[in-house]
Amino acid sequence: MPAMLGFMGTDIHGFIEVRNSYIDNSEPDDDELLFRWHPAIALDHIYDSRSYEAFGCLFGVGGRSFEPLAALTRAFEWEREDSHSPSWISWAELEGAGWDSTGSFGGLSEPETLLTRRQVVHDEEWGDVWSVMTLLAKRHGAESVRLVVWFDN
């Protein structure tokens, strides 16, 4: 098989954040006291795969067979120059997702296949992410746990 010269894949980066249920006044220069988001764990500790269909299903990056669960290009405070498509999704949004909705997959040389979101975002790959988010949501609430991501090529 010939080598694919110049091909660069899209990688996902990010972390799971929690918003504490107490007012955080740790930043003395702030005019307001806020309920701040704090990183809980880097995504690369619990997810080490590359699934364009899952990236598309969750964040609209890569596969286009589903309307993404996260709003496209949600802003967050920290961005890197060499990254693109920053976004985030809360555990509450993930819990309320229509995981049994279907998307069409296939191409010119292969038959069309209908797959559910659950089949595209495999528990084998994403199960550890969901487990950490579930645990944090039990402690802080589903709206106070989110997966923050960005991509690079």
Foldseek 3Di string as FASTA:
>chain_A
DDDDPPDDAKDKWFFKWFFAPDFDCPPVPDPDTDRDIDGDGIVVVQADDDAQLLCCQAENGRDPFHHHLWDWQDDDDDDDPQWDTKTKDFQVSVVPDPQQDWGWDDDPVGDIDIDGNPVRPDCVRCVRVNVVRVVSCVVRNRRRMMIIMIMHD
